[in-house]
Amino acid sequence: MNFFEKYLNKNRIYGDYITVPPDKNLGYIVVIPAYNEDCILETLNSLNEAKKPSKKVEIIIVINSSENSSKKIIQQNKKTAEDIKEWMINNPERFFDLYIIEKNNLPSKYFGAGYARKTGMDEAISRFNKINQKEGYLISLDADVEVNNNYFTAIEEYTKKNPETNAGIIYFEHPAGGTKFTDDIYNSIIHYELYLRYYKNALRWAGFPYAFHTIGSAFIVKAEAYVKQGGMNRKQAGEDFYFLNKIFQLGNVAEINKTRVIPSPRPSDRVIFGTGPEVKKRLKQSESLKDTYDLEAFETLKNFFSMISELFKSSHEEVEFYMTQQPEILKNFLEKENFTRTINRINNNCKNEDIFLKHFYNWFDGLKIIRFLRISHEKYYSKQTLRSGAKKLLSKYGIKYSEKEDYVSLLKKFRNLDRTVPHSIS
C-alpha cells in the first residue's frame, strides 16, 4: 500500500480525474478553485512567467458550480474551461502540466470554496501517491491572483533548506493603487489588509504561537501533513482558516517572505466571507468597518499566555486559584470553556512542559480566540479605530510613526514588519 492509500479510501469524495501518469520528479502541485471566474488567464500568465524550479510542477484548476447556479454562471464556467484550453494550445512551452477538473451541479449543501479546494487537493494527493512522494507540496492559490517571478524558486529554496516544513505561509500584498480599479476599491482593500495585519501581529505580540495569516491564496502544505490532519474541509467559506489551524498544530510552520502573492482587490460575492465580500462591505463606507478589536483585549491574552507554563503539573486547586486571578471577562469565558477540567486533562497526558504547551494551544486555538474577542467586545471592551489600534501596536513593536500617518503609510509599516521579521514555529 502506498503512503496515502488509507487517506484516499476514507476521505476522498471522488475518484481520479487525471489519467496521465505523474512525472516521477513531481514536487509541487498548485490547486486553484474557479467559480464564475473571468480572470484566470491573468493568473496563468503570471505563473507561466515565473522562474522554473528544479522539481516538476502541476497545476490543477477546479471549475465548479452548484445545482442552484444561474445559467449565466454555468456559461461563464464553460467559457473559463474553453479559455484555459485555448491558453494551453497557445503556450506549449510552459514548464508546468495543466489540468482542468469540471464539477458542475454540485449539491448546494456542500458547494463552496472548501469543496472545490478539497476536490483539487485530494486529486493532488492521489498524484503524489502514485509516485510514493510524501514529501511533495500542495500549493494553494486562487483564480484572481498574480505572483512574483521567483514564486516557485523561492518556495523550492525554502523547502529544500527546511525539509521538515509542514506548511508555509506566503507573503502577500493587495494592490494599493493603480488604474484597474476605482479609488474606492483601493481604499477598501487598504483598510481590510491593514485590519488583517493588525490582527495577526496583535496575536503575535500577545504570545500566541499560531499567529499566521490564513488566506487561501497564500500557503503551501506538505502532502504528508495534509493527510495526517485529515485533509481539507468542505466549508463554504473560511475553509483556509479552519484547515490551517489544524496544520499549525503539527508545528514546523513558517512564513515564506522572499516572494509575493498579489490577490485581487475586486469586490465579490463568490463566497460568504473573505476578501471579496469584505471589499464589497467597505465600499459602503460604513464607519464600523474601520474599527478593530481593542489592543487591551490582546494585552489580557498576553498576560494570560505568559503564565500558562506555570500550570504544568499544577494541582486542581492551583488551577482554580489561577483562574480566579484573571480579569472578570476572561474568568467568565474560561469557566464556560471548562478551563480547569481541560488543564487537568492536559496535565494528566503530558510528560514535559513543551508538550503541555502544545496541547494547551491546540485547545486554546485561533477559533477560541475569536470567540473570546467577540464576547469580550460585546460586554467589556469597545472597538477602537483601526488607525488608533495600528499606531498603538506599532509602539509595542518599537516602530516609530507620526500622528499624521494615513492608512497607506501604516499599511507599509505593517508590511515591512511582516516581511522583515518572519514568524515560525518548530
Protein backbone atom coordinates (compact mmCIF):
# COMPACT_ATOMS: atom_id res chain seq x y z
CA MET A 1 0.00 0.00 0.00
CA ASN A 2 1.30 3.44 -0.92
CA PHE A 3 1.72 6.28 1.55
CA PHE A 4 -1.70 7.91 1.15
CA GLU A 5 -3.89 4.97 0.17
CA LYS A 6 -5.67 4.83 3.53
CA TYR A 7 -6.50 8.53 3.46
CA LEU A 8 -7.80 8.40 -0.10
CA ASN A 9 -10.02 5.40 0.60
CA LYS A 10 -11.51 7.03 3.69
CA ASN A 11 -11.72 10.75 2.91
CA ARG A 12 -11.83 11.30 -0.83
CA ILE A 13 -15.14 12.35 -2.38
CA TYR A 14 -14.35 11.38 -5.98
CA GLY A 15 -12.04 9.03 -7.83
CA ASP A 16 -9.21 10.10 -10.13
CA TYR A 17 -9.92 12.74 -12.73
CA ILE A 18 -6.45 12.91 -14.25
CA THR A 19 -5.44 9.80 -16.18
CA VAL A 20 -1.99 10.99 -17.33
CA PRO A 21 0.69 9.39 -15.10
CA PRO A 22 2.53 11.94 -12.93
CA ASP A 23 6.18 12.76 -13.59
CA LYS A 24 8.46 10.93 -11.15
CA ASN A 25 10.14 14.28 -10.37
CA LEU A 26 6.83 15.89 -9.38
CA GLY A 27 7.37 18.11 -6.35
CA TYR A 28 4.70 20.83 -6.38
CA ILE A 29 1.01 20.81 -7.27
CA VAL A 30 -0.87 24.11 -7.42
CA VAL A 31 -4.61 23.84 -6.71
CA ILE A 32 -6.90 26.66 -7.94
CA PRO A 33 -10.69 26.69 -7.41
CA ALA A 34 -12.56 28.62 -10.11
CA TYR A 35 -16.21 29.66 -9.88
CA ASN A 36 -17.80 32.26 -12.14
CA GLU A 37 -14.25 33.32 -12.93
CA ASP A 38 -13.13 35.69 -15.68
CA CYS A 39 -9.58 36.47 -14.50
CA ILE A 40 -7.98 33.02 -14.68
CA LEU A 41 -5.80 33.78 -17.70
CA GLU A 42 -4.08 36.61 -15.85
CA THR A 43 -3.20 34.12 -13.13
CA LEU A 44 -1.92 31.55 -15.65
CA ASN A 45 0.18 34.17 -17.44
CA SER A 46 1.72 35.21 -14.15
CA LEU A 47 2.55 31.62 -13.21
CA ASN A 48 3.95 30.95 -16.69
CA GLU A 49 6.27 33.95 -16.40
CA ALA A 50 7.71 32.69 -13.13
CA LYS A 51 11.12 31.01 -13.00
CA LYS A 52 11.15 27.25 -13.36
CA PRO A 53 12.07 25.25 -10.22
CA SER A 54 14.11 22.06 -10.42
CA LYS A 55 11.15 19.89 -9.37
CA LYS A 56 8.23 19.26 -11.70
CA VAL A 57 5.11 21.42 -11.22
CA GLU A 58 1.48 20.60 -11.93
CA ILE A 59 -1.48 22.98 -11.81
CA ILE A 60 -4.99 21.68 -11.17
CA ILE A 61 -7.89 24.07 -11.78
CA VAL A 62 -11.23 23.00 -10.29
CA ILE A 63 -14.05 24.73 -12.18
CA ASN A 64 -17.19 24.27 -10.12
CA SER A 65 -20.83 25.29 -9.76
CA SER A 66 -23.79 24.23 -7.65
CA GLU A 67 -27.19 22.81 -8.50
CA ASN A 68 -28.55 26.32 -7.82
CA SER A 69 -26.09 28.23 -10.00
CA SER A 70 -27.62 30.51 -12.63
CA LYS A 71 -27.35 29.92 -16.36
CA LYS A 72 -25.06 32.93 -16.56
CA ILE A 73 -22.62 31.34 -14.13
CA ILE A 74 -22.78 27.99 -15.93
CA GLN A 75 -21.95 29.77 -19.18
CA GLN A 76 -19.07 31.62 -17.58
CA ASN A 77 -17.68 28.35 -16.25
CA LYS A 78 -17.84 26.84 -19.74
CA LYS A 79 -16.08 29.87 -21.15
CA THR A 80 -13.43 29.61 -18.43
CA ALA A 81 -12.72 26.00 -19.42
CA GLU A 82 -12.57 26.92 -23.11
CA ASP A 83 -10.25 29.86 -22.38
CA ILE A 84 -7.90 27.65 -20.40
CA LYS A 85 -7.79 25.01 -23.15
CA GLU A 86 -7.05 27.67 -25.75
CA TRP A 87 -4.36 29.12 -23.46
CA MET A 88 -2.75 25.69 -23.20
CA ILE A 89 -2.59 25.44 -27.01
CA ASN A 90 -1.06 28.90 -27.26
CA ASN A 91 1.53 28.19 -24.54
CA PRO A 92 3.03 24.79 -25.42
CA GLU A 93 6.42 25.66 -23.92
CA ARG A 94 5.11 26.14 -20.37
CA PHE A 95 7.19 24.37 -17.71
CA PHE A 96 4.18 23.04 -15.77
CA ASP A 97 1.49 20.49 -16.64
CA LEU A 98 -2.00 21.94 -16.50
CA TYR A 99 -5.22 20.03 -15.81
CA ILE A 100 -8.86 21.04 -15.55
CA ILE A 101 -11.43 19.36 -13.31
CA GLU A 102 -15.01 20.39 -14.07
CA LYS A 103 -17.51 19.75 -11.27
CA ASN A 104 -20.90 21.24 -12.02
CA ASN A 105 -24.29 20.74 -10.41
CA LEU A 106 -22.73 20.10 -7.00
CA PRO A 107 -25.10 19.72 -4.03
CA SER A 108 -25.78 23.17 -2.57
CA LYS A 109 -25.38 21.77 0.94
CA TYR A 110 -21.64 21.39 0.39
CA PHE A 111 -20.91 23.68 -2.52
CA GLY A 112 -18.29 26.34 -1.86
CA ALA A 113 -14.60 27.13 -1.80
CA GLY A 114 -13.80 24.31 0.61
CA TYR A 115 -15.49 21.67 -1.54
CA ALA A 116 -13.61 22.79 -4.65
CA ARG A 117 -10.28 23.15 -2.87
CA LYS A 118 -10.68 19.72 -1.29
CA THR A 119 -11.50 18.16 -4.67
CA GLY A 120 -8.31 19.54 -6.19
CA MET A 121 -6.09 18.83 -3.19
CA ASP A 122 -7.30 15.26 -2.85
CA GLU A 123 -6.55 14.79 -6.55
CA ALA A 124 -3.07 16.16 -5.85
CA ILE A 125 -2.62 13.66 -3.02
CA SER A 126 -3.57 10.87 -5.41
CA ARG A 127 -0.95 12.16 -7.86
CA PHE A 128 1.76 12.12 -5.21
CA ASN A 129 0.57 8.71 -4.01
CA LYS A 130 1.15 7.21 -7.45
CA ILE A 131 4.88 8.03 -7.23
CA ASN A 132 5.23 7.37 -3.46
CA GLN A 133 6.09 11.01 -2.88
CA LYS A 134 5.07 12.03 0.64
CA GLU A 135 7.50 14.98 0.63
CA GLY A 136 5.68 16.82 -2.17
CA TYR A 137 3.89 20.10 -1.52
CA LEU A 138 0.39 21.29 -2.29
CA ILE A 139 0.29 24.98 -3.19
CA SER A 140 -2.99 26.76 -2.56
CA LEU A 141 -3.84 29.62 -4.90
CA ASP A 142 -6.92 31.48 -6.14
CA ALA A 143 -8.07 32.28 -9.66
CA ASP A 144 -7.67 36.04 -9.37
CA VAL A 145 -4.07 36.44 -8.21
CA GLU A 146 -0.67 37.17 -9.66
CA VAL A 147 2.69 36.07 -8.28
CA ASN A 148 6.25 37.35 -8.28
CA ASN A 149 8.72 35.99 -10.83
CA ASN A 150 10.53 33.97 -8.13
CA TYR A 151 7.36 32.38 -6.75
CA PHE A 152 8.25 28.74 -7.40
CA THR A 153 12.01 29.09 -6.89
CA ALA A 154 11.55 30.85 -3.53
CA ILE A 155 9.19 28.11 -2.35
CA GLU A 156 11.64 25.45 -3.53
CA GLU A 157 14.61 27.20 -1.94
CA TYR A 158 12.85 27.36 1.40
CA THR A 159 11.55 23.78 1.40
CA LYS A 160 14.96 22.42 0.38
CA LYS A 161 16.68 24.27 3.22
CA ASN A 162 13.90 23.31 5.62
CA PRO A 163 12.67 19.85 4.54
CA GLU A 164 10.80 19.37 7.81
CA THR A 165 8.40 22.21 6.90
CA ASN A 166 4.76 21.14 7.24
CA ALA A 167 3.33 24.40 5.95
CA GLY A 168 4.49 27.75 4.65
CA ILE A 169 2.53 30.99 4.69
CA ILE A 170 3.42 33.01 1.60
CA TYR A 171 3.84 36.77 1.89
CA PHE A 172 1.05 38.69 0.14
CA GLU A 173 0.20 42.26 -0.83
CA HIS A 174 -3.04 43.50 -2.33
CA PRO A 175 -2.65 46.24 -4.95
CA ALA A 176 -2.93 49.56 -3.09
CA GLY A 177 -3.33 51.76 -6.17
CA GLY A 178 -3.46 51.84 -9.95
CA THR A 179 -5.92 52.28 -12.79
CA LYS A 180 -7.52 48.82 -12.99
CA PHE A 181 -9.95 49.51 -10.13
CA THR A 182 -11.63 52.59 -8.67
CA ASP A 183 -10.11 54.61 -5.84
CA ASP A 184 -12.91 53.40 -3.56
CA ILE A 185 -11.91 49.78 -4.15
CA TYR A 186 -8.25 50.51 -3.46
CA ASN A 187 -9.16 52.39 -0.27
CA SER A 188 -11.34 49.48 0.85
CA ILE A 189 -8.62 46.88 0.33
CA ILE A 190 -6.06 49.09 2.13
CA HIS A 191 -8.34 49.18 5.19
CA TYR A 192 -9.01 45.45 5.00
CA GLU A 193 -5.37 44.41 4.61
CA LEU A 194 -4.34 46.72 7.45
CA TYR A 195 -7.03 45.07 9.58
CA LEU A 196 -5.63 41.61 8.74
CA ARG A 197 -2.07 42.62 9.57
CA TYR A 198 -3.10 44.39 12.78
CA TYR A 199 -4.97 41.30 13.96
CA LYS A 200 -2.19 38.87 13.08
CA ASN A 201 0.54 40.98 14.68
CA ALA A 202 -1.55 41.70 17.76
CA LEU A 203 -1.83 37.94 18.26
CA ARG A 204 1.91 37.58 17.76
CA TRP A 205 2.60 40.35 20.31
CA ALA A 206 0.26 38.60 22.74
CA GLY A 207 2.41 35.48 22.52
CA PHE A 208 0.03 33.25 20.58
CA PRO A 209 2.29 30.78 18.73
CA TYR A 210 -0.05 30.26 15.77
CA ALA A 211 -0.11 33.93 14.75
CA PHE A 212 -0.15 33.46 10.98
CA HIS A 213 -2.25 34.79 8.13
CA THR A 214 -4.79 32.21 6.93
CA ILE A 215 -5.52 33.15 3.32
CA GLY A 216 -6.46 30.53 0.74
CA SER A 217 -4.32 32.05 -2.00
CA ALA A 218 -1.13 32.20 0.04
CA PHE A 219 0.00 28.93 1.60
CA ILE A 220 1.71 25.63 0.92
CA VAL A 221 1.29 22.38 2.84
CA LYS A 222 3.34 19.20 2.73
CA ALA A 223 1.36 16.27 1.35
CA GLU A 224 2.19 14.15 4.39
CA ALA A 225 0.92 16.88 6.76
CA TYR A 226 -2.25 17.32 4.69
CA VAL A 227 -3.07 13.63 5.04
CA LYS A 228 -2.08 13.43 8.70
CA GLN A 229 -4.56 16.16 9.65
CA GLY A 230 -7.44 14.73 7.64
CA GLY A 231 -7.25 16.90 4.53
CA MET A 232 -9.21 19.97 3.50
CA ASN A 233 -12.71 20.54 4.85
CA ARG A 234 -15.83 21.25 2.78
CA LYS A 235 -16.80 24.55 4.38
CA GLN A 236 -18.48 27.03 2.05
CA ALA A 237 -16.09 29.79 3.18
CA GLY A 238 -13.31 30.15 5.73
CA GLU A 239 -12.02 26.72 4.77
CA ASP A 240 -8.47 28.09 4.75
CA PHE A 241 -8.75 29.33 8.37
CA TYR A 242 -10.09 26.03 9.73
CA PHE A 243 -7.69 23.92 7.69
CA LEU A 244 -4.55 25.87 8.55
CA ASN A 245 -5.39 25.93 12.24
CA LYS A 246 -5.32 22.12 12.11
CA ILE A 247 -2.00 22.15 10.29
CA PHE A 248 -0.45 24.63 12.76
CA GLN A 249 -0.87 22.01 15.47
CA LEU A 250 1.80 19.86 13.78
CA GLY A 251 4.45 22.57 14.16
CA ASN A 252 7.20 23.30 11.64
CA VAL A 253 5.27 26.17 10.08
CA ALA A 254 6.93 29.33 8.79
CA GLU A 255 6.34 32.48 6.81
CA ILE A 256 7.99 32.43 3.38
CA ASN A 257 8.69 36.09 2.67
CA LYS A 258 11.16 36.11 -0.21
CA THR A 259 8.39 36.08 -2.79
CA ARG A 260 4.90 37.52 -3.04
CA VAL A 261 1.31 36.67 -3.93
CA ILE A 262 -0.80 39.58 -5.21
CA PRO A 263 -4.52 38.86 -4.63
CA SER A 264 -7.10 40.90 -6.49
CA PRO A 265 -8.92 43.61 -4.51
CA ARG A 266 -12.11 43.20 -6.54
CA PRO A 267 -15.46 43.15 -4.71
CA SER A 268 -17.19 39.80 -4.97
CA ASP A 269 -19.99 37.62 -3.62
CA ARG A 270 -18.44 34.32 -4.70
CA VAL A 271 -18.07 33.28 -1.05
CA ILE A 272 -19.86 34.18 2.17
CA PHE A 273 -16.89 36.00 3.65
CA GLY A 274 -13.30 36.79 2.73
CA THR A 275 -11.56 39.46 0.70
CA GLY A 276 -14.24 39.95 -1.97
CA PRO A 277 -17.19 40.30 0.42
CA GLU A 278 -15.14 42.49 2.78
CA VAL A 279 -14.25 44.90 -0.01
CA LYS A 280 -17.90 44.98 -1.03
CA LYS A 281 -18.92 45.89 2.53
CA ARG A 282 -16.26 48.55 2.87
CA LEU A 283 -17.37 50.20 -0.35
CA LYS A 284 -20.47 51.22 1.58
CA GLN A 285 -18.17 53.38 3.73
CA SER A 286 -19.55 52.02 6.99
CA GLU A 287 -17.51 53.53 9.82
CA SER A 288 -17.82 50.29 11.81
CA LEU A 289 -15.70 48.55 9.19
CA LYS A 290 -12.84 50.91 10.03
CA ASP A 291 -12.91 49.66 13.63
CA THR A 292 -10.98 46.78 15.13
CA TYR A 293 -10.51 44.92 18.40
CA ASP A 294 -9.14 46.92 21.31
CA LEU A 295 -5.44 46.26 21.94
CA GLU A 296 -6.27 45.94 25.64
CA ALA A 297 -8.08 42.69 24.84
CA PHE A 298 -4.88 41.32 23.31
CA GLU A 299 -2.97 42.54 26.37
CA THR A 300 -5.35 40.50 28.53
CA LEU A 301 -4.48 37.47 26.40
CA LYS A 302 -0.79 38.34 26.58
CA ASN A 303 -0.83 38.32 30.39
CA PHE A 304 -2.83 35.10 30.36
CA PHE A 305 -0.50 33.33 27.93
CA SER A 306 2.63 34.47 29.78
CA MET A 307 1.67 32.46 32.85
CA ILE A 308 0.30 29.30 31.24
CA SER A 309 3.57 27.37 31.55
CA GLU A 310 3.31 27.69 35.34
CA LEU A 311 0.23 25.47 35.24
CA PHE A 312 2.27 22.48 34.12
CA LYS A 313 1.76 19.79 36.75
CA SER A 314 -0.33 22.16 38.86
CA SER A 315 -2.98 20.73 41.18
CA HIS A 316 -6.70 21.20 40.63
CA GLU A 317 -6.74 23.79 43.42
CA GLU A 318 -3.84 25.72 41.91
CA VAL A 319 -5.56 25.88 38.52
CA GLU A 320 -8.78 27.08 40.18
CA PHE A 321 -6.87 29.78 42.04
CA TYR A 322 -5.10 30.86 38.86
CA MET A 323 -8.40 31.33 37.10
CA THR A 324 -9.77 33.49 39.92
CA GLN A 325 -6.86 35.89 39.37
CA GLN A 326 -7.87 36.63 35.79
CA PRO A 327 -9.89 39.70 34.75
CA GLU A 328 -13.63 39.10 35.14
CA ILE A 329 -14.34 38.92 31.39
CA LEU A 330 -11.62 36.29 30.84
CA LYS A 331 -12.56 34.37 34.00
CA ASN A 332 -16.16 34.06 32.86
CA PHE A 333 -15.04 32.95 29.40
CA LEU A 334 -12.67 30.31 30.80
CA GLU A 335 -15.39 28.93 33.07
CA LYS A 336 -17.71 28.43 30.10
CA GLU A 337 -14.87 26.76 28.20
CA ASN A 338 -14.21 24.29 31.07
CA PHE A 339 -10.70 25.63 31.60
CA THR A 340 -9.93 23.87 34.89
CA ARG A 341 -11.07 20.46 33.67
CA THR A 342 -9.13 20.92 30.42
CA ILE A 343 -5.88 21.88 32.14
CA ASN A 344 -6.20 18.89 34.47
CA ARG A 345 -6.76 16.60 31.48
CA ILE A 346 -3.77 18.02 29.60
CA ASN A 347 -1.55 17.64 32.68
CA ASN A 348 -2.55 14.00 33.01
CA ASN A 349 -1.31 13.33 29.48
CA CYS A 350 1.91 15.36 29.26
CA LYS A 351 5.38 14.36 30.40
CA ASN A 352 7.09 17.72 29.87
CA GLU A 353 6.32 21.42 29.63
CA ASP A 354 6.78 21.67 25.85
CA ILE A 355 4.14 19.00 25.20
CA PHE A 356 1.88 20.63 27.79
CA LEU A 357 2.07 23.97 25.98
CA LYS A 358 1.48 22.37 22.61
CA HIS A 359 -1.68 20.66 23.87
CA PHE A 360 -2.85 23.87 25.52
CA TYR A 361 -2.56 25.92 22.33
CA ASN A 362 -4.17 23.15 20.32
CA TRP A 363 -7.13 23.65 22.66
CA PHE A 364 -6.97 27.45 23.03
CA ASP A 365 -6.68 27.89 19.27
CA GLY A 366 -7.45 30.64 16.79
CA LEU A 367 -11.17 29.89 16.82
CA LYS A 368 -11.37 30.13 20.60
CA ILE A 369 -9.50 33.45 20.48
CA ILE A 370 -12.05 34.84 18.02
CA ARG A 371 -14.87 33.75 20.32
CA PHE A 372 -13.21 35.47 23.28
CA LEU A 373 -12.65 38.68 21.36
CA ARG A 374 -16.24 38.82 20.14
CA ILE A 375 -17.77 38.12 23.54
CA SER A 376 -15.42 40.47 25.37
CA HIS A 377 -16.21 43.32 22.98
CA GLU A 378 -19.93 42.79 23.45
CA LYS A 379 -19.69 43.00 27.23
CA TYR A 380 -16.46 44.72 28.26
CA TYR A 381 -14.16 46.27 25.65
CA SER A 382 -15.10 48.81 22.99
CA LYS A 383 -13.97 48.63 19.38
CA GLN A 384 -11.27 51.18 18.52
CA THR A 385 -10.49 52.82 15.22
CA LEU A 386 -8.17 50.83 13.00
CA ARG A 387 -5.78 53.77 12.76
CA SER A 388 -5.59 54.14 16.54
CA GLY A 389 -5.11 50.42 17.13
CA ALA A 390 -2.45 50.16 14.44
CA LYS A 391 -0.44 53.02 15.98
CA LYS A 392 -0.66 51.53 19.47
CA LEU A 393 0.53 48.17 18.19
CA LEU A 394 3.43 49.71 16.27
CA SER A 395 4.54 51.28 19.56
CA LYS A 396 4.56 47.85 21.18
CA TYR A 397 6.91 46.66 18.45
CA GLY A 398 9.14 49.72 18.89
CA ILE A 399 8.27 51.08 15.45
CA LYS A 400 8.12 54.87 15.15
CA TYR A 401 5.23 56.67 13.50
CA SER A 402 3.83 60.17 13.26
CA GLU A 403 0.38 61.25 14.39
CA LYS A 404 -0.43 62.25 10.80
CA GLU A 405 0.21 58.78 9.34
CA ASP A 406 -2.54 57.77 6.90
CA TYR A 407 -3.77 54.24 6.22
CA VAL A 408 -1.36 53.67 3.33
CA SER A 409 1.64 54.67 5.42
CA LEU A 410 0.53 52.48 8.33
CA LEU A 411 -0.01 49.53 5.99
CA LYS A 412 3.53 49.93 4.64
CA LYS A 413 4.92 49.74 8.17
CA PHE A 414 2.99 46.57 8.90
CA ARG A 415 4.01 45.03 5.59
CA ASN A 416 7.62 45.77 6.43
CA LEU A 417 7.16 44.22 9.88
CA ASP A 418 5.69 41.05 8.36
CA ARG A 419 8.32 40.77 5.66
CA THR A 420 11.47 41.59 7.66
CA VAL A 421 10.61 39.73 10.86
CA PRO A 422 9.16 36.39 9.70
CA HIS A 423 7.34 34.23 12.23
CA SER A 424 7.78 30.49 12.59
CA ILE A 425 7.04 27.62 14.98
CA SER A 426 9.05 24.45 15.36
